[in-house]
Protein backbone atom coordinates (compact mmCIF):
# COMPACT_ATOMS: atom_id res chain seq x y z
CA MET A 1 -218.70 -78.31 -84.78
CA CYS A 2 -220.00 -75.38 -82.48
CA SER A 3 -223.52 -75.43 -81.33
CA ARG A 4 -225.89 -72.94 -82.44
CA ASN A 5 -225.25 -70.64 -78.71
CA GLU A 6 -221.56 -70.91 -79.91
CA ASP A 7 -222.26 -69.93 -83.19
CA ILE A 8 -223.57 -67.08 -82.53
CA LEU A 9 -221.02 -65.64 -79.16
CA LEU A 10 -218.11 -66.23 -82.14
CA ASP A 11 -217.04 -62.72 -83.56
CA ILE A 12 -215.63 -62.65 -86.84
CA THR A 13 -214.44 -59.06 -87.30
CA VAL A 14 -211.86 -60.13 -84.90
CA LEU A 15 -210.69 -62.08 -88.26
CA PRO A 16 -209.09 -59.38 -91.50
CA LYS A 17 -211.43 -59.67 -94.93
CA ASP A 18 -207.76 -60.62 -96.62
CA ILE A 19 -207.74 -63.87 -94.34
CA PHE A 20 -208.07 -66.30 -96.47
CA GLU A 21 -205.83 -64.58 -99.15
CA ARG A 22 -202.72 -64.48 -96.88
CA VAL A 23 -200.22 -67.20 -96.52
CA ASP A 24 -196.49 -67.86 -94.44
CA HIS A 25 -196.01 -64.60 -92.03
CA LYS A 26 -199.06 -62.61 -93.11
CA PHE A 27 -200.56 -65.20 -91.93
CA TYR A 28 -198.92 -66.82 -88.72
CA ASP A 29 -199.33 -62.91 -87.16
CA VAL A 30 -203.47 -63.38 -87.34
CA VAL A 31 -202.30 -67.00 -85.69
CA LYS A 32 -201.13 -65.33 -82.91
CA SER A 33 -203.48 -62.70 -82.24
CA VAL A 34 -206.13 -64.94 -82.43
CA ALA A 35 -205.25 -67.55 -80.70
CA GLY A 36 -201.64 -67.32 -79.29
CA ASP A 37 -197.89 -67.70 -80.37
CA SER A 38 -197.73 -71.62 -78.95
CA LEU A 39 -200.64 -72.22 -81.97
CA ALA A 40 -198.13 -70.16 -84.68
CA LYS A 41 -194.91 -71.84 -83.73
CA ILE A 42 -197.10 -75.68 -84.01
CA LEU A 43 -198.04 -74.76 -87.71
CA LYS A 44 -195.13 -72.92 -88.48
CA ILE A 45 -192.98 -76.11 -87.63
CA GLN A 46 -195.97 -78.16 -89.91
CA LEU A 47 -195.45 -75.65 -92.98
CA ILE A 48 -199.23 -74.82 -91.97
CA ASN A 49 -199.08 -71.42 -93.99
CA SER A 50 -202.62 -70.73 -95.41
CA VAL A 51 -206.26 -70.60 -93.93
CA GLY A 52 -206.61 -73.38 -97.13
CA LYS A 53 -203.93 -75.50 -95.95
CA LEU A 54 -205.05 -75.79 -91.95
CA LEU A 55 -209.04 -76.60 -93.10
CA ASN A 56 -207.43 -80.01 -94.93
CA THR A 57 -205.17 -81.35 -92.26
CA PRO A 58 -206.74 -83.45 -90.11
CA ASP A 59 -204.97 -83.30 -87.44
CA ILE A 60 -202.24 -80.80 -86.39
CA PHE A 61 -201.00 -82.27 -83.00
CA ALA A 62 -200.84 -86.09 -84.57
CA PHE A 63 -197.05 -85.18 -84.76
CA PHE A 64 -196.16 -85.36 -81.22
CA GLN A 65 -196.30 -88.78 -81.67
CA TYR A 66 -193.35 -88.79 -83.27
CA ASP A 67 -190.55 -88.97 -82.05
CA SER A 68 -187.64 -86.05 -83.46
CA GLU A 69 -185.03 -84.38 -82.22
CA GLU A 70 -186.55 -81.69 -84.04
CA THR A 71 -189.99 -81.26 -82.67
CA ASP A 72 -188.32 -81.91 -78.80
CA ALA A 73 -188.13 -77.85 -77.95
CA ILE A 74 -192.24 -77.90 -78.83
CA LYS A 75 -193.26 -80.81 -77.56
CA ARG A 76 -191.28 -79.35 -74.22
CA GLU A 77 -193.33 -75.99 -74.71
CA SER A 78 -196.89 -77.31 -75.63
CA CYS A 79 -197.53 -81.02 -74.55
CA PHE A 80 -197.29 -82.80 -70.59
CA LYS A 81 -195.49 -85.74 -71.38
CA SER A 82 -196.83 -89.16 -69.30
CA LYS A 83 -195.23 -92.17 -66.75
CA THR A 84 -195.54 -93.96 -70.40
CA GLY A 85 -193.45 -91.63 -72.74
CA GLN A 86 -197.50 -90.27 -74.24
CA PHE A 87 -198.01 -86.73 -74.95
CA ILE A 88 -200.46 -84.63 -74.36
CA VAL A 89 -200.85 -81.23 -76.15
CA LYS A 90 -202.08 -78.15 -73.13
CA PRO A 91 -205.86 -77.73 -72.90
CA GLY A 92 -205.60 -74.54 -73.47
CA ILE A 93 -203.96 -74.84 -76.89
CA GLN A 94 -206.33 -77.37 -77.91
CA SER A 95 -209.04 -74.25 -77.09
CA SER A 96 -207.69 -71.93 -78.81
CA PHE A 97 -207.44 -74.18 -81.80
CA SER A 98 -210.60 -75.05 -81.70
CA TYR A 99 -212.49 -71.30 -81.59
CA PHE A 100 -210.20 -70.11 -84.20
CA ILE A 101 -211.60 -73.22 -86.38
CA ASN A 102 -214.21 -72.74 -85.81
CA LEU A 103 -213.95 -68.79 -86.82
CA LEU A 104 -212.04 -69.89 -89.68
CA ASN A 105 -215.80 -72.28 -90.36
CA LYS A 106 -218.08 -69.38 -89.98
CA ALA A 107 -216.28 -66.45 -92.12
CA LEU A 108 -215.55 -69.38 -94.68
CA LYS A 109 -219.96 -69.90 -95.14
CA GLN A 110 -220.70 -66.26 -94.74
CA LYS A 111 -217.99 -65.41 -97.82
CA GLN A 112 -219.84 -68.05 -99.35
CA GLU A 113 -223.21 -67.13 -99.15
CA LEU A 114 -221.97 -63.79 -100.21
CA ALA A 115 -220.35 -64.79 -103.25
CA PRO A 116 -223.63 -64.86 -105.14
CA ASN A 117 -224.37 -61.21 -104.02
CA GLU A 118 -221.02 -60.32 -104.96
CA ASN A 119 -221.07 -61.96 -108.50
CA THR A 120 -224.09 -60.50 -109.06
CA GLU A 121 -223.08 -57.19 -108.18
CA ASN A 122 -219.83 -57.27 -110.40
CA TYR A 123 -221.84 -57.92 -113.00
CA SER A 124 -224.48 -55.16 -112.71
CA ASN A 125 -221.34 -52.98 -112.23
CA TYR A 126 -219.36 -53.89 -115.24
CA ILE A 127 -219.93 -51.61 -117.64
CA THR A 128 -219.90 -52.52 -121.70
CA ASP A 129 -219.80 -50.65 -124.76
CA GLU A 130 -223.19 -51.05 -125.11
CA PHE A 131 -224.37 -49.63 -121.87
CA LEU A 132 -221.39 -46.42 -122.83
CA ASP A 133 -223.81 -45.77 -126.15
CA ASN A 134 -226.35 -45.76 -124.34
CA HIS A 135 -225.53 -43.44 -122.03
CA SER A 136 -223.78 -40.01 -124.01
CA LEU A 137 -223.22 -38.80 -120.77
CA LEU A 138 -220.82 -41.17 -119.51
CA LYS A 139 -219.23 -41.67 -122.41
CA SER A 140 -218.81 -37.49 -122.03
CA LEU A 141 -217.75 -37.99 -119.14
CA ILE A 142 -215.02 -40.44 -119.15
CA LYS A 143 -213.96 -38.67 -122.34
CA TRP A 144 -213.00 -36.06 -121.23
CA TYR A 145 -211.23 -37.21 -117.81
CA ARG A 146 -209.26 -39.19 -119.56
CA LEU A 147 -207.77 -36.06 -122.48
CA ASN A 148 -207.26 -33.97 -118.11
CA ASP A 149 -205.33 -36.87 -117.56
CA LEU A 150 -202.68 -36.90 -120.42
CA ASN A 151 -203.60 -32.77 -120.80
CA GLY A 152 -202.21 -32.63 -116.60
CA VAL A 153 -205.29 -29.86 -116.37
CA LYS A 154 -206.71 -31.36 -113.10
CA GLN A 155 -205.73 -27.86 -110.90
CA THR A 156 -207.04 -25.15 -113.99
CA ASN A 157 -210.78 -27.96 -114.42
CA GLN A 158 -210.34 -28.50 -110.06
CA PHE A 159 -213.80 -25.80 -109.49
CA LEU A 160 -215.64 -27.44 -113.03
CA VAL A 161 -214.44 -31.05 -111.38
CA SER A 162 -215.42 -30.88 -107.36
CA PHE A 163 -218.64 -29.12 -109.00
CA ILE A 164 -220.03 -32.35 -111.91
CA ASP A 165 -218.96 -34.69 -108.63
CA ASN A 166 -220.44 -33.21 -106.70
CA LEU A 167 -223.70 -32.96 -108.49
CA ILE A 168 -223.49 -36.98 -109.39
CA ASN A 169 -222.79 -37.63 -106.16
CA ASN A 170 -226.04 -35.84 -104.79
CA CYS A 171 -228.11 -37.67 -107.49
CA THR A 172 -227.47 -40.57 -106.17
CA GLN A 173 -228.57 -39.89 -102.54
CA SER A 174 -231.65 -38.25 -100.80
CA PRO A 175 -232.46 -34.15 -100.91
CA ASN A 176 -231.50 -34.95 -96.57
CA ASN A 177 -228.91 -36.03 -97.38
CA PHE A 178 -227.01 -33.83 -99.99
CA ARG A 179 -223.31 -32.66 -99.29
CA HIS A 180 -221.51 -29.55 -100.45
CA SER A 181 -217.75 -29.03 -100.92
CA GLU A 182 -216.42 -26.02 -99.72
CA SER A 183 -216.05 -24.57 -103.40
CA ILE A 184 -219.61 -25.55 -103.64
CA LYS A 185 -221.04 -23.73 -101.11
CA ASN A 186 -218.38 -20.53 -101.73
CA PHE A 187 -219.76 -20.68 -105.38
CA ALA A 188 -223.44 -20.90 -104.32
CA ILE A 189 -222.59 -17.12 -101.86
CA CYS A 190 -221.06 -15.36 -105.14
CA LEU A 191 -223.90 -16.70 -107.30
CA TYR A 192 -226.75 -16.02 -104.93
CA VAL A 193 -224.47 -12.51 -104.13
CA LEU A 194 -224.15 -11.58 -107.81
CA GLY A 195 -227.24 -13.03 -109.82
CA GLY A 196 -230.06 -12.36 -107.21
CA LYS A 197 -232.75 -15.06 -105.64
CA GLN A 198 -234.94 -15.73 -108.12
CA THR A 199 -231.49 -16.57 -110.96
CA TYR A 200 -229.85 -19.08 -107.86
CA GLU A 201 -233.39 -20.76 -107.63
CA PHE A 202 -233.48 -21.04 -111.51
CA ILE A 203 -230.43 -22.72 -111.30
CA ARG A 204 -230.73 -24.61 -108.19
CA LEU A 205 -234.04 -26.46 -109.74
CA ASN A 206 -232.89 -26.83 -113.39
CA LEU A 207 -229.33 -28.57 -111.61
CA TYR A 208 -230.43 -30.83 -108.62
CA GLY A 209 -228.56 -31.26 -105.99
CA SER A 210 -225.76 -29.17 -107.68
CA ILE A 211 -226.13 -26.10 -104.66
CA PRO A 212 -228.15 -25.31 -101.48
CA ASN A 213 -231.11 -24.64 -101.49
CA LEU A 214 -232.24 -21.22 -99.54
CA THR A 215 -232.50 -22.18 -96.13
CA THR A 216 -229.76 -23.41 -96.02
CA LEU A 217 -227.31 -20.44 -98.03
CA GLY A 218 -229.21 -18.44 -95.23
CA GLU A 219 -227.27 -20.68 -92.53
CA LEU A 220 -223.76 -20.07 -94.62
CA ILE A 221 -223.69 -16.31 -95.12
CA LYS A 222 -225.30 -16.17 -91.79
CA ASN A 223 -222.29 -17.91 -89.96
CA SER A 224 -219.96 -16.20 -92.94
CA ASP A 225 -216.97 -13.29 -92.36
CA THR A 226 -219.21 -11.45 -95.45
CA ALA A 227 -222.13 -10.86 -92.88
CA PHE A 228 -222.40 -6.82 -92.08
CA SER A 229 -224.88 -4.61 -90.29
CA GLU A 230 -226.65 -1.53 -92.06
CA ALA A 231 -224.86 1.71 -91.69
CA GLU A 232 -221.33 0.15 -90.20
CA PHE A 233 -218.44 0.60 -92.19
CA ASN A 234 -216.18 -2.71 -92.69
CA PHE A 235 -212.98 -1.28 -91.84
CA GLU A 236 -211.45 -4.47 -90.26
CA SER A 237 -211.64 -6.55 -93.90
CA LEU A 238 -209.37 -4.15 -95.58
CA ARG A 239 -206.64 -5.94 -94.29
CA GLN A 240 -207.48 -8.91 -96.75
CA CYS A 241 -206.41 -6.60 -99.55
CA HIS A 242 -203.15 -6.52 -98.35
CA SER A 243 -202.37 -3.22 -100.42
CA GLN A 244 -201.33 0.05 -98.94
CA PHE A 245 -203.57 1.81 -100.81
CA GLY A 246 -206.74 1.98 -102.71
CA PHE A 247 -209.63 3.92 -104.27
CA CYS A 248 -213.66 3.93 -102.22
CA SER A 249 -216.38 4.60 -104.95
CA GLU A 250 -219.32 5.42 -103.51
CA ASP A 251 -222.98 5.55 -105.35
CA THR A 252 -226.86 4.83 -104.67
CA THR A 253 -229.35 2.73 -106.40
CA GLY A 254 -232.80 2.36 -105.87
CA ILE A 255 -234.54 -0.38 -104.12
CA ILE A 256 -237.90 -1.87 -103.04
CA ARG A 257 -239.25 -0.26 -100.19
CA LYS A 258 -239.00 -2.87 -97.05
CA VAL A 259 -238.49 -2.92 -93.33
CA GLU A 260 -236.85 -6.01 -91.41
CA TYR A 261 -235.97 -7.28 -88.66
CA ASP A 262 -231.52 -7.61 -87.62
CA SER A 263 -231.59 -10.39 -84.68
CA LYS A 264 -227.58 -9.64 -84.63
CA THR A 265 -228.09 -6.12 -84.05
CA ASN A 266 -231.60 -6.09 -82.49
CA SER A 267 -232.78 -3.30 -84.30
CA PHE A 268 -234.82 -2.95 -87.90
CA VAL A 269 -233.42 -2.12 -91.51
CA GLY A 270 -235.23 -0.34 -94.38
CA PHE A 271 -235.51 3.26 -92.61
CA VAL A 272 -233.84 6.40 -93.77
CA THR A 273 -230.90 6.30 -91.93
CA PRO A 274 -229.89 9.58 -89.82
CA ILE A 275 -227.36 11.41 -90.82
CA ASP A 276 -224.80 13.33 -88.81
CA HIS A 277 -222.10 15.47 -89.92
CA GLY A 278 -221.95 12.92 -93.12
CA ILE A 279 -221.70 9.46 -91.41
CA PRO A 280 -224.61 7.42 -91.08
CA LEU A 281 -225.64 6.10 -87.47
CA PRO A 282 -226.03 2.22 -87.30
CA LYS A 283 -228.24 1.38 -84.95
CA PHE A 284 -230.53 3.45 -84.78
CA TYR A 285 -234.42 1.68 -84.83
CA GLN A 286 -234.41 0.07 -82.32
CA ALA A 287 -237.82 -1.18 -80.10
CA ASN A 288 -238.99 -3.68 -77.79
CA THR A 289 -242.30 -2.89 -77.47
CA PHE A 290 -244.72 -2.94 -80.22
CA ASN A 291 -245.88 1.36 -79.50
CA GLU A 292 -242.09 1.27 -80.23
CA LEU A 293 -241.98 0.16 -83.42
CA LYS A 294 -245.58 1.85 -84.32
CA THR A 295 -243.99 4.83 -83.70
CA ILE A 296 -240.46 4.33 -85.39
CA TYR A 297 -242.80 3.20 -88.32
CA GLU A 298 -245.04 7.25 -88.01
CA THR A 299 -242.23 9.22 -87.98
CA ASN A 300 -239.86 7.95 -90.99
CA GLU A 301 -239.86 7.50 -93.56
CA ILE A 302 -238.61 4.08 -95.76
CA ALA A 303 -235.34 4.23 -97.39
CA SER A 304 -236.22 4.10 -101.26
CA LEU A 305 -232.60 4.53 -102.30
CA LEU A 306 -229.60 2.32 -101.07
CA ASN A 307 -226.17 4.68 -100.74
CA VAL A 308 -223.18 1.58 -101.15
CA HIS A 309 -219.63 3.09 -100.78
CA MET A 310 -216.89 0.56 -102.23
CA PHE A 311 -213.10 0.40 -101.86
CA GLN A 312 -210.32 -0.59 -105.08
CA SER A 313 -206.78 -1.79 -104.41
CA ILE A 314 -204.47 -0.69 -106.16
CA PRO A 315 -202.30 -3.63 -107.36
CA THR A 316 -198.65 -2.95 -106.87
CA GLU A 317 -195.47 -2.82 -109.24
CA ASP A 318 -194.80 -6.75 -108.38
CA ASN A 319 -197.94 -7.57 -109.97
CA ALA A 320 -199.46 -4.90 -111.91
CA THR A 321 -201.30 -7.10 -114.24
CA ARG A 322 -203.55 -8.95 -111.12
CA ILE A 323 -205.96 -6.33 -110.30
CA PRO A 324 -207.68 -7.21 -106.65
CA ARG A 325 -210.97 -8.01 -105.99
CA PRO A 326 -213.28 -4.60 -104.86
CA LEU A 327 -214.26 -4.78 -101.16
CA LEU A 328 -217.94 -3.20 -99.64
CA LEU A 329 -217.51 -1.84 -97.12
CA SER A 330 -221.06 -0.20 -96.54
CA ALA A 331 -224.61 0.03 -97.46
CA TYR A 332 -227.26 1.70 -95.73
CA GLY A 333 -230.85 2.85 -96.87
CA VAL A 334 -230.79 7.13 -97.28
CA ASP A 335 -233.28 10.24 -98.78
CA ASN A 336 -231.35 11.52 -101.52
CA LYS A 337 -231.22 14.77 -98.99
CA ILE A 338 -227.69 15.09 -98.05
CA THR A 339 -225.49 17.96 -98.81
CA ALA A 340 -222.05 18.59 -100.73
CA ILE A 341 -220.72 18.59 -97.04
CA ASN A 342 -222.20 15.92 -95.92
CA VAL A 343 -219.81 14.34 -98.28
CA LEU A 344 -216.80 16.00 -97.93
CA ASN A 345 -217.14 15.00 -94.32
CA ARG A 346 -217.93 11.48 -94.78
CA TRP A 347 -214.82 11.47 -97.55
CA MET A 348 -212.76 12.85 -94.37
CA TYR A 349 -213.83 10.12 -92.23
CA ILE A 350 -212.93 7.00 -94.51
CA PHE A 351 -210.14 8.54 -95.71
CA GLN A 352 -208.63 8.97 -91.92
CA HIS A 353 -210.63 5.27 -90.60
CA CYS A 354 -208.62 3.42 -93.47
CA LEU A 355 -204.86 5.49 -92.39
CA ASP A 356 -205.77 3.59 -89.06
CA GLN A 357 -205.31 0.34 -90.97
CA ASN A 358 -202.60 1.49 -93.10
CA VAL A 359 -204.37 2.14 -96.48
CA ARG A 360 -203.72 5.29 -97.86
CA ILE A 361 -207.18 6.66 -100.09
CA ILE A 362 -205.42 8.14 -103.52
CA GLY A 363 -209.06 9.58 -104.36
CA PHE A 364 -212.83 9.05 -104.57
CA SER A 365 -215.02 8.33 -107.51
CA THR A 366 -218.86 8.96 -108.15
CA ASP A 367 -221.09 9.70 -110.28
CA ALA A 368 -222.13 13.56 -111.34
CA ASP A 369 -224.11 14.26 -109.04
CA ARG A 370 -223.83 17.80 -108.34
CA ARG A 371 -224.08 17.12 -104.77
CA TYR A 372 -220.51 15.25 -105.09
CA VAL A 373 -219.26 17.33 -107.68
CA SER A 374 -219.69 20.66 -105.45
CA ALA A 375 -217.75 18.43 -102.79
CA MET A 376 -215.04 17.30 -105.32
CA ARG A 377 -214.44 20.80 -106.38
CA LEU A 378 -214.27 21.82 -102.26
CA ALA A 379 -212.00 19.21 -101.91
CA SER A 380 -209.44 19.81 -104.66
CA GLY A 381 -209.45 23.42 -105.32
CA PHE A 382 -211.20 24.13 -108.13
CA PHE A 383 -212.54 27.23 -108.10
CA ALA A 384 -214.01 26.72 -104.75
CA SER A 385 -212.78 27.11 -100.85
CA LEU A 386 -214.56 27.24 -98.02
CA PRO A 387 -212.36 29.33 -95.13
CA ASP A 388 -212.81 26.45 -92.69
CA LEU A 389 -211.33 23.53 -95.05
CA GLN A 390 -207.83 23.42 -95.90
CA LEU A 391 -207.06 20.20 -96.99
CA ASP A 392 -203.60 20.78 -98.76
CA LYS A 393 -201.79 21.54 -95.80
CA HIS A 394 -203.02 18.25 -94.69
CA GLN A 395 -199.93 16.24 -93.21
CA HIS A 396 -201.04 13.14 -94.87
CA ALA A 397 -201.58 15.36 -99.07
CA PHE A 398 -199.24 14.59 -101.26
CA LYS A 399 -197.20 17.10 -104.28
CA ILE A 400 -198.15 16.96 -107.86
CA ASN A 401 -195.77 18.66 -110.54
CA VAL A 402 -197.77 20.06 -112.85
CA PRO A 403 -195.71 20.73 -115.67
CA THR A 404 -195.09 24.50 -116.24
CA HIS A 405 -196.29 24.40 -119.92
CA TRP A 406 -200.00 22.82 -119.07
CA LYS A 407 -201.07 26.40 -119.07
CA TRP A 408 -204.18 25.16 -119.69
CA PHE A 409 -203.90 22.35 -116.99
CA PHE A 410 -205.63 23.60 -113.52
CA LEU A 411 -205.19 21.98 -109.86
CA ARG A 412 -203.41 22.45 -107.22
CA ASN A 413 -199.59 21.36 -106.07
CA ASN A 414 -201.28 19.68 -102.79
CA GLN A 415 -203.60 17.41 -103.15
CA LEU A 416 -205.00 15.02 -99.98
CA PHE A 417 -207.61 13.74 -102.74
CA LEU A 418 -207.73 12.63 -105.95
CA PHE A 419 -211.06 12.24 -107.92
CA PHE A 420 -213.05 10.23 -110.58
CA GLN A 421 -216.47 10.74 -111.43
CA ASP A 422 -218.42 7.12 -113.28
CA PRO A 423 -217.94 7.75 -117.25
CA VAL A 424 -220.09 5.40 -118.30
CA HIS A 425 -223.06 6.47 -116.22
CA LEU A 426 -222.36 9.69 -117.62
CA VAL A 427 -222.77 8.63 -120.66
CA THR A 428 -226.23 6.61 -120.23
CA LYS A 429 -227.29 9.41 -118.68
CA TRP A 430 -227.04 11.74 -122.09
CA ARG A 431 -228.74 8.45 -123.46
CA ASN A 432 -231.84 8.08 -120.76
CA ARG A 433 -231.69 12.32 -121.64
CA LEU A 434 -233.15 11.85 -125.28
CA LEU A 435 -235.37 8.45 -124.05
CA SER A 436 -237.33 10.24 -121.73
CA THR A 437 -240.78 11.00 -123.20
CA THR A 438 -241.25 13.93 -120.33
CA THR A 439 -238.50 15.94 -121.21
CA ASP A 440 -239.11 18.43 -124.76
CA LEU A 441 -234.63 18.78 -126.02
CA ARG A 442 -234.29 21.02 -128.80
CA PHE A 443 -231.25 23.01 -130.37
CA GLY A 444 -232.73 26.36 -131.63
CA THR A 445 -235.53 25.16 -133.20
CA ASP A 446 -233.92 21.04 -134.12
CA LYS A 447 -235.42 19.28 -132.02
CA ILE A 448 -233.74 16.47 -130.21
CA THR A 449 -236.18 13.81 -129.97
CA ILE A 450 -235.98 10.14 -130.05
CA THR A 451 -238.53 9.23 -132.78
CA HIS A 452 -235.73 10.09 -135.34
CA ILE A 453 -234.28 6.87 -133.85
CA GLU A 454 -237.84 5.42 -133.98
CA ALA A 455 -238.36 6.31 -137.79
CA LEU A 456 -235.03 5.32 -138.34
CA ILE A 457 -235.82 1.16 -136.74
CA SER A 458 -239.14 1.16 -138.21
CA ASN A 459 -237.95 2.56 -141.92
CA ASP A 460 -238.54 -0.61 -144.24
CA HIS A 461 -235.88 1.06 -146.15
CA TYR A 462 -233.42 -0.08 -144.17
CA THR A 463 -232.45 -3.04 -142.08
CA LYS A 464 -230.54 -4.01 -138.49
CA LEU A 465 -227.50 -4.95 -140.83
CA ASP A 466 -227.51 -0.43 -142.11
CA HIS A 467 -227.92 0.70 -138.25
CA GLY A 468 -227.63 -2.09 -136.39
CA LEU A 469 -230.83 -1.14 -134.27
CA THR A 470 -233.16 -2.96 -132.26
CA SER A 471 -236.50 -2.05 -129.98
CA SER A 472 -234.52 -2.71 -127.06
CA ASP A 473 -232.01 -0.25 -127.61
CA ILE A 474 -233.91 2.81 -127.14
CA ASN A 475 -236.21 0.85 -124.57
CA PRO A 476 -236.40 3.46 -121.76
CA LYS A 477 -236.65 0.79 -118.58
CA ASP A 478 -232.95 -0.43 -119.18
CA ARG A 479 -231.06 2.54 -118.18
CA GLN A 480 -228.16 1.14 -117.54
CA ASN A 481 -227.76 -0.55 -120.84
CA TYR A 482 -223.55 0.97 -122.50
CA ASN A 483 -224.13 -1.17 -125.16
CA SER A 484 -226.76 0.64 -126.28
CA CYS A 485 -224.88 3.65 -126.28
CA ILE A 486 -222.46 2.31 -128.59
CA LYS A 487 -224.81 2.12 -130.98
CA LEU A 488 -226.51 5.34 -131.14
CA ILE A 489 -223.34 6.60 -131.90
CA SER A 490 -222.45 4.60 -134.91
CA ASP A 491 -220.90 6.20 -137.85
CA ASP A 492 -223.26 4.36 -139.61
CA VAL A 493 -227.24 5.60 -138.12
CA ILE A 494 -225.23 8.86 -137.50
CA ASN A 495 -225.12 9.13 -141.56
CA LEU A 496 -228.09 7.98 -142.25
CA LEU A 497 -229.86 10.61 -139.49
CA ILE A 498 -227.91 12.95 -141.82
CA ASN A 499 -230.30 12.60 -144.89
CA GLY A 500 -233.41 12.73 -142.69
CA VAL A 501 -235.60 15.55 -142.25
CA ASP A 502 -235.59 17.98 -139.63
CA THR A 503 -233.02 15.99 -137.95
CA ASN A 504 -229.92 17.85 -137.37
CA GLY A 505 -230.72 18.77 -133.59
CA THR A 506 -230.89 14.66 -132.78
CA VAL A 507 -227.60 14.28 -134.95
CA VAL A 508 -225.57 17.12 -132.56
CA TYR A 509 -226.57 15.26 -129.76
CA LEU A 510 -225.97 11.92 -130.52
CA THR A 511 -222.26 13.86 -132.37
CA LEU A 512 -221.39 15.33 -128.28
CA LEU A 513 -222.78 11.50 -127.00
CA LYS A 514 -219.80 10.15 -129.04
CA MET A 515 -216.71 13.35 -128.68
CA ILE A 516 -218.21 11.85 -124.16
CA VAL A 517 -216.93 8.02 -125.28
CA LYS A 518 -214.11 8.88 -126.86
CA ALA A 519 -213.19 11.62 -124.63
CA TYR A 520 -213.44 9.58 -121.46
CA ILE A 521 -213.75 5.90 -121.84
CA ASP A 522 -212.21 5.33 -125.23
CA LYS A 523 -208.97 3.41 -124.85
CA SER A 524 -207.49 4.11 -128.32
CA THR A 525 -207.99 8.65 -127.90
CA SER A 526 -204.79 10.09 -127.41
CA VAL A 527 -204.11 12.61 -124.31
CA ARG A 528 -204.40 16.06 -127.09
CA GLU A 529 -207.98 14.64 -129.12
CA ARG A 530 -209.18 13.89 -125.14
CA VAL A 531 -208.66 17.50 -124.52
CA GLN A 532 -210.22 18.77 -127.02
CA LEU A 533 -212.93 16.67 -127.09
CA ALA A 534 -214.13 17.07 -123.54
CA TRP A 535 -214.10 21.26 -123.83
CA CYS A 536 -215.54 21.22 -127.52
CA VAL A 537 -218.66 19.16 -125.27
CA VAL A 538 -218.27 21.78 -122.36
CA PHE A 539 -218.32 24.62 -124.59
CA VAL A 540 -221.24 23.35 -126.79
CA CYS A 541 -223.11 22.32 -123.52
CA ARG A 542 -222.22 26.96 -122.43
CA ILE A 543 -223.75 28.21 -125.03
CA TRP A 544 -227.04 25.81 -125.17
CA TRP A 545 -227.44 26.47 -121.52
CA SER A 546 -227.21 30.40 -121.96
CA TRP A 547 -229.65 29.98 -124.77
CA LEU A 548 -232.48 28.89 -122.68
CA LYS A 549 -231.47 31.39 -119.88
CA ILE A 550 -232.01 34.21 -122.01
CA ASN A 551 -235.20 32.89 -124.29
CA SER A 552 -238.81 32.74 -122.81
CA PHE A 553 -241.28 29.60 -122.34
CA SER A 554 -244.15 28.58 -122.33
CA SER A 555 -245.16 27.39 -118.82
CA SER A 556 -245.30 23.90 -119.52
CA SER A 557 -241.84 24.34 -121.69
CA ARG A 558 -240.32 26.11 -118.74
CA SER A 559 -242.01 23.29 -116.41
CA LYS A 560 -239.96 20.97 -118.62
CA ALA A 561 -236.78 23.29 -119.04
CA THR A 562 -236.08 23.85 -114.94
CA THR A 563 -237.18 19.72 -114.84
CA GLU A 564 -234.38 19.09 -117.13
CA LYS A 565 -232.62 21.88 -114.82
CA THR A 566 -232.65 19.71 -111.95
CA ASN A 567 -232.10 16.20 -113.26
CA ASN A 568 -228.79 17.29 -115.44
């Protein structure tokens, strides 16, 4: 036996964990590495091929006293022969054997001490039917994983598997030890961008451990390639689209007025971005002292609108069903004081820089703002032109072969861009004008008012099954509710209004809205019907506008009409 001090010096980590299960050459390999080749030969010649046999052998050197030709070679290697004919084992072999036996005894003792704990742990880890019945979630997970294995849908549910594994693993850890895979991090960034801060926090707090906290998320966004600076165009990212053609869109939306410091560019963002010939100037508001910052606040307006530029690549013929993801080009605060020439210059700037990235912009898409429409007319030569602007002679202009019998279709043969106006935006604006509390709409003596719709909803003789409307469909605060527009122009609503009192104006207004939807949005409408409906709406609006021009109104009515003209 070894002393207490010697026992402390013994390091059983030199032994493999399965030393007590090893036999034959695997056992002899351990003996060679720990005690030497000579001891391994001594054990091998005696067929001692495991720890169990070794510990149960009283004296492994006793065979040296036997006279046998089979042991002569190993005797000469491992022993000294005295003059009297006795064989004495070399001290180094005895020391190695003693060290090896002490290691095995210590390892055996430790294994015996841990055995009760392992049995207890194994028992606690044993899943019984009663345990599964008490935990329905675990039962459902096991069933789901089995179905995945049987159906071979691991790749389809790869993210879901990763999400569940990440969530459950973090539930067993403290918040400081939460870990998230790369797919979860990417999902968290998308969730924050699409849903916003409140949505992100709602999901994070209710799905404990599923996604990173806001501090960690901020670091992820900061260190990713998705971060960009205000008013800078991210043209380099077009290389990720792997497409040579695309469409650009531009729109302005209202935002909360707020100024922040951008440490990346050492500038303040949130003010109205200066525009130079239509091009926004990045990193414009920089201040090194408090007085400089004070001057910026006193002399510049905080932006209440955000102008956003998007790029949508066009799918190729080889993969026409796969729509590429859109790309954010730039965003910056504006005051809505730009001109059509500013818009046109900005489009040319975007077009040229996209060409530098080997991407051809086919056209631009916007809403029906008069400045955008004017820029479209100037660029396409649609009953508008400038003497120093001849885009049809640009070297990258393409030729359009319009059929000769299309006398009704006016388009210049050579065009640098094509244009789209957002039809959904047009439809929602038409609805919002109806819901406005400050607008007085009428066709002659026929009033156009939302009160006709309100009366229909509140009428006890009708139910939702009759008209399909609810109070939320006429909520003026929900300005982009396209589904509400579809409900308002349903045949059921229009037929019920026709039978109402003094509802002719509202019926005509909703009928025009229905014609707009069929002409510009409904995919089932034929080309001939689209042209007919579109021109019908145009001529009715022209007649309506002419009536407004030739009639006189009171000051309040004229103010409302002027407001309507400006907004339209």
